[in-house]
Amino acid sequence: MPETGDRRITIRAGDVTIDGQLNDSPTADLLWEALTIKAAANTWGDEIYFSIPVSAEGDDTAQETVDLGAIAYWPPGSALCLFFGLTPMSQGDEIRPASAVNVLGMMEGDSTVLRSVQPGTVVEVSRA
């Protein structure tokens, strides 16, 4: 298993590419082992999400709100979530998932570039 610092990922969606870094949580381990993943994007406010072949319960990283650029796993939908702004559940300037998510890492740079990704766009997450 590589060190956390070595667990860099690349997210491609249409014309958009952004890199990220996974943390050392158990759910991030499962995601790392499942890569490469390709799926059609769903959007919910400024969040892209899609089902992935990973099954995990909420863990120590589970949060009701996340930081801009968070890469997270939503246990009820077995979904990878990419947060780049407010969601329909947000209050004020908080970024609030539909329910608690396991935080897997962070995107690097300006995650708001994902705003141009339309529902149905194929998203590919791979090891960098």
Protein backbone atom coordinates (compact mmCIF):
# COMPACT_ATOMS: atom_id res chain seq x y z
CA MET A 1 0.00 0.00 0.00
CA PRO A 2 1.54 3.35 -1.00
CA GLU A 3 2.00 6.11 1.52
CA THR A 4 -0.83 8.65 1.67
CA GLY A 5 1.31 11.23 -0.09
CA ASP A 6 1.60 8.85 -3.03
CA ARG A 7 -2.15 8.35 -3.43
CA ARG A 8 -2.76 11.03 -6.03
CA ILE A 9 -5.72 10.68 -8.35
CA THR A 10 -6.81 12.31 -11.59
CA ILE A 11 -10.47 13.12 -12.25
CA ARG A 12 -11.49 13.63 -15.88
CA ALA A 13 -14.99 14.74 -16.88
CA GLY A 14 -15.49 15.88 -20.45
CA ASP A 15 -12.98 18.69 -21.07
CA VAL A 16 -12.23 19.12 -17.35
CA THR A 17 -9.31 17.48 -15.54
CA ILE A 18 -8.48 18.01 -11.87
CA ASP A 19 -6.09 16.20 -9.57
CA GLY A 20 -6.70 15.12 -6.02
CA GLN A 21 -5.05 13.53 -3.02
CA LEU A 22 -6.59 10.68 -1.01
CA ASN A 23 -6.26 10.45 2.77
CA ASP A 24 -5.40 7.27 4.69
CA SER A 25 -8.93 6.35 5.77
CA PRO A 26 -10.30 2.82 5.32
CA THR A 27 -12.83 4.01 2.73
CA ALA A 28 -10.09 5.82 0.76
CA ASP A 29 -8.19 2.51 0.78
CA LEU A 30 -11.23 0.82 -0.82
CA LEU A 31 -11.50 3.55 -3.47
CA TRP A 32 -7.77 3.33 -4.28
CA GLU A 33 -8.07 -0.44 -4.79
CA ALA A 34 -11.12 0.01 -7.07
CA LEU A 35 -9.47 2.52 -9.45
CA THR A 36 -9.86 3.11 -12.41
CA ILE A 37 -13.58 3.94 -12.23
CA LYS A 38 -15.75 5.34 -15.04
CA ALA A 39 -19.35 6.43 -14.48
CA ALA A 40 -21.93 8.92 -15.70
CA ALA A 41 -22.07 12.11 -13.64
CA ASN A 42 -25.13 13.11 -11.64
CA THR A 43 -25.28 16.65 -10.29
CA TRP A 44 -26.89 18.07 -7.17
CA GLY A 45 -26.18 21.76 -6.85
CA ASP A 46 -22.39 22.16 -7.00
CA GLU A 47 -21.75 18.47 -6.40
CA ILE A 48 -21.02 15.68 -8.87
CA TYR A 49 -21.80 12.17 -7.66
CA PHE A 50 -21.93 8.68 -9.14
CA SER A 51 -22.14 5.11 -7.91
CA ILE A 52 -18.86 3.25 -7.52
CA PRO A 53 -18.04 -0.44 -6.89
CA VAL A 54 -17.22 0.20 -3.23
CA SER A 55 -19.34 -0.69 -0.22
CA ALA A 56 -18.56 0.95 3.13
CA GLU A 57 -20.34 2.21 6.21
CA GLY A 58 -19.84 5.63 7.77
CA ASP A 59 -16.40 5.88 9.38
CA ASP A 60 -14.31 8.22 11.54
CA THR A 61 -14.14 10.74 8.68
CA ALA A 62 -17.95 11.02 8.34
CA GLN A 63 -19.07 14.65 8.23
CA GLU A 64 -22.39 16.49 7.85
CA THR A 65 -20.61 19.41 6.14
CA VAL A 66 -17.46 19.38 4.00
CA ASP A 67 -14.83 21.79 2.73
CA LEU A 68 -14.74 23.16 -0.81
CA GLY A 69 -12.93 20.61 -2.96
CA ALA A 70 -13.74 17.59 -0.79
CA ILE A 71 -13.72 14.12 -2.31
CA ALA A 72 -16.12 11.97 -0.32
CA TYR A 73 -18.07 8.72 -0.23
CA TRP A 74 -21.82 8.68 0.42
CA PRO A 75 -22.65 5.32 2.09
CA PRO A 76 -26.43 5.21 1.33
CA GLY A 77 -25.79 5.40 -2.42
CA SER A 78 -22.34 3.77 -2.63
CA ALA A 79 -21.42 6.99 -4.40
CA LEU A 80 -18.30 9.06 -4.91
CA CYS A 81 -19.03 12.75 -4.37
CA LEU A 82 -17.03 15.73 -5.61
CA PHE A 83 -17.93 18.97 -3.82
CA PHE A 84 -17.18 22.27 -5.57
CA GLY A 85 -19.78 24.59 -4.06
CA LEU A 86 -23.17 24.77 -2.43
CA THR A 87 -25.75 21.99 -2.55
CA PRO A 88 -29.55 22.25 -2.21
CA MET A 89 -29.10 21.33 1.51
CA SER A 90 -26.55 24.09 2.17
CA GLN A 91 -27.38 26.79 4.69
CA GLY A 92 -25.45 30.03 4.29
CA ASP A 93 -22.02 29.28 2.86
CA GLU A 94 -21.67 25.74 4.22
CA ILE A 95 -21.29 22.81 1.85
CA ARG A 96 -23.76 20.20 3.08
CA PRO A 97 -24.16 16.71 1.57
CA ALA A 98 -27.58 15.00 1.55
CA SER A 99 -26.38 13.09 4.65
CA ALA A 100 -23.03 12.39 6.29
CA VAL A 101 -20.22 11.40 3.93
CA ASN A 102 -16.84 9.77 4.53
CA VAL A 103 -14.19 12.29 3.49
CA LEU A 104 -11.63 10.54 1.27
CA GLY A 105 -9.41 13.46 0.33
CA MET A 106 -9.27 16.81 -1.42
CA MET A 107 -9.13 18.06 -4.99
CA GLU A 108 -6.17 20.29 -5.78
CA GLY A 109 -6.51 23.72 -7.33
CA ASP A 110 -9.81 25.31 -8.36
CA SER A 111 -12.51 22.66 -7.96
CA THR A 112 -15.14 25.07 -9.34
CA VAL A 113 -13.95 24.08 -12.86
CA LEU A 114 -16.35 21.14 -12.36
CA ARG A 115 -19.33 23.53 -12.73
CA SER A 116 -19.10 23.04 -16.51
CA VAL A 117 -19.70 19.27 -16.24
CA GLN A 118 -23.21 18.32 -17.36
CA PRO A 119 -25.26 15.39 -16.02
CA GLY A 120 -24.50 12.24 -17.99
CA THR A 121 -20.90 13.23 -18.75
CA VAL A 122 -18.58 10.28 -18.25
CA VAL A 123 -16.30 10.83 -15.26
CA GLU A 124 -13.09 8.83 -15.02
CA VAL A 125 -11.20 8.59 -11.72
CA SER A 126 -7.77 7.01 -11.97
CA ARG A 127 -4.46 6.82 -10.18
CA ALA A 128 -2.31 9.79 -11.19
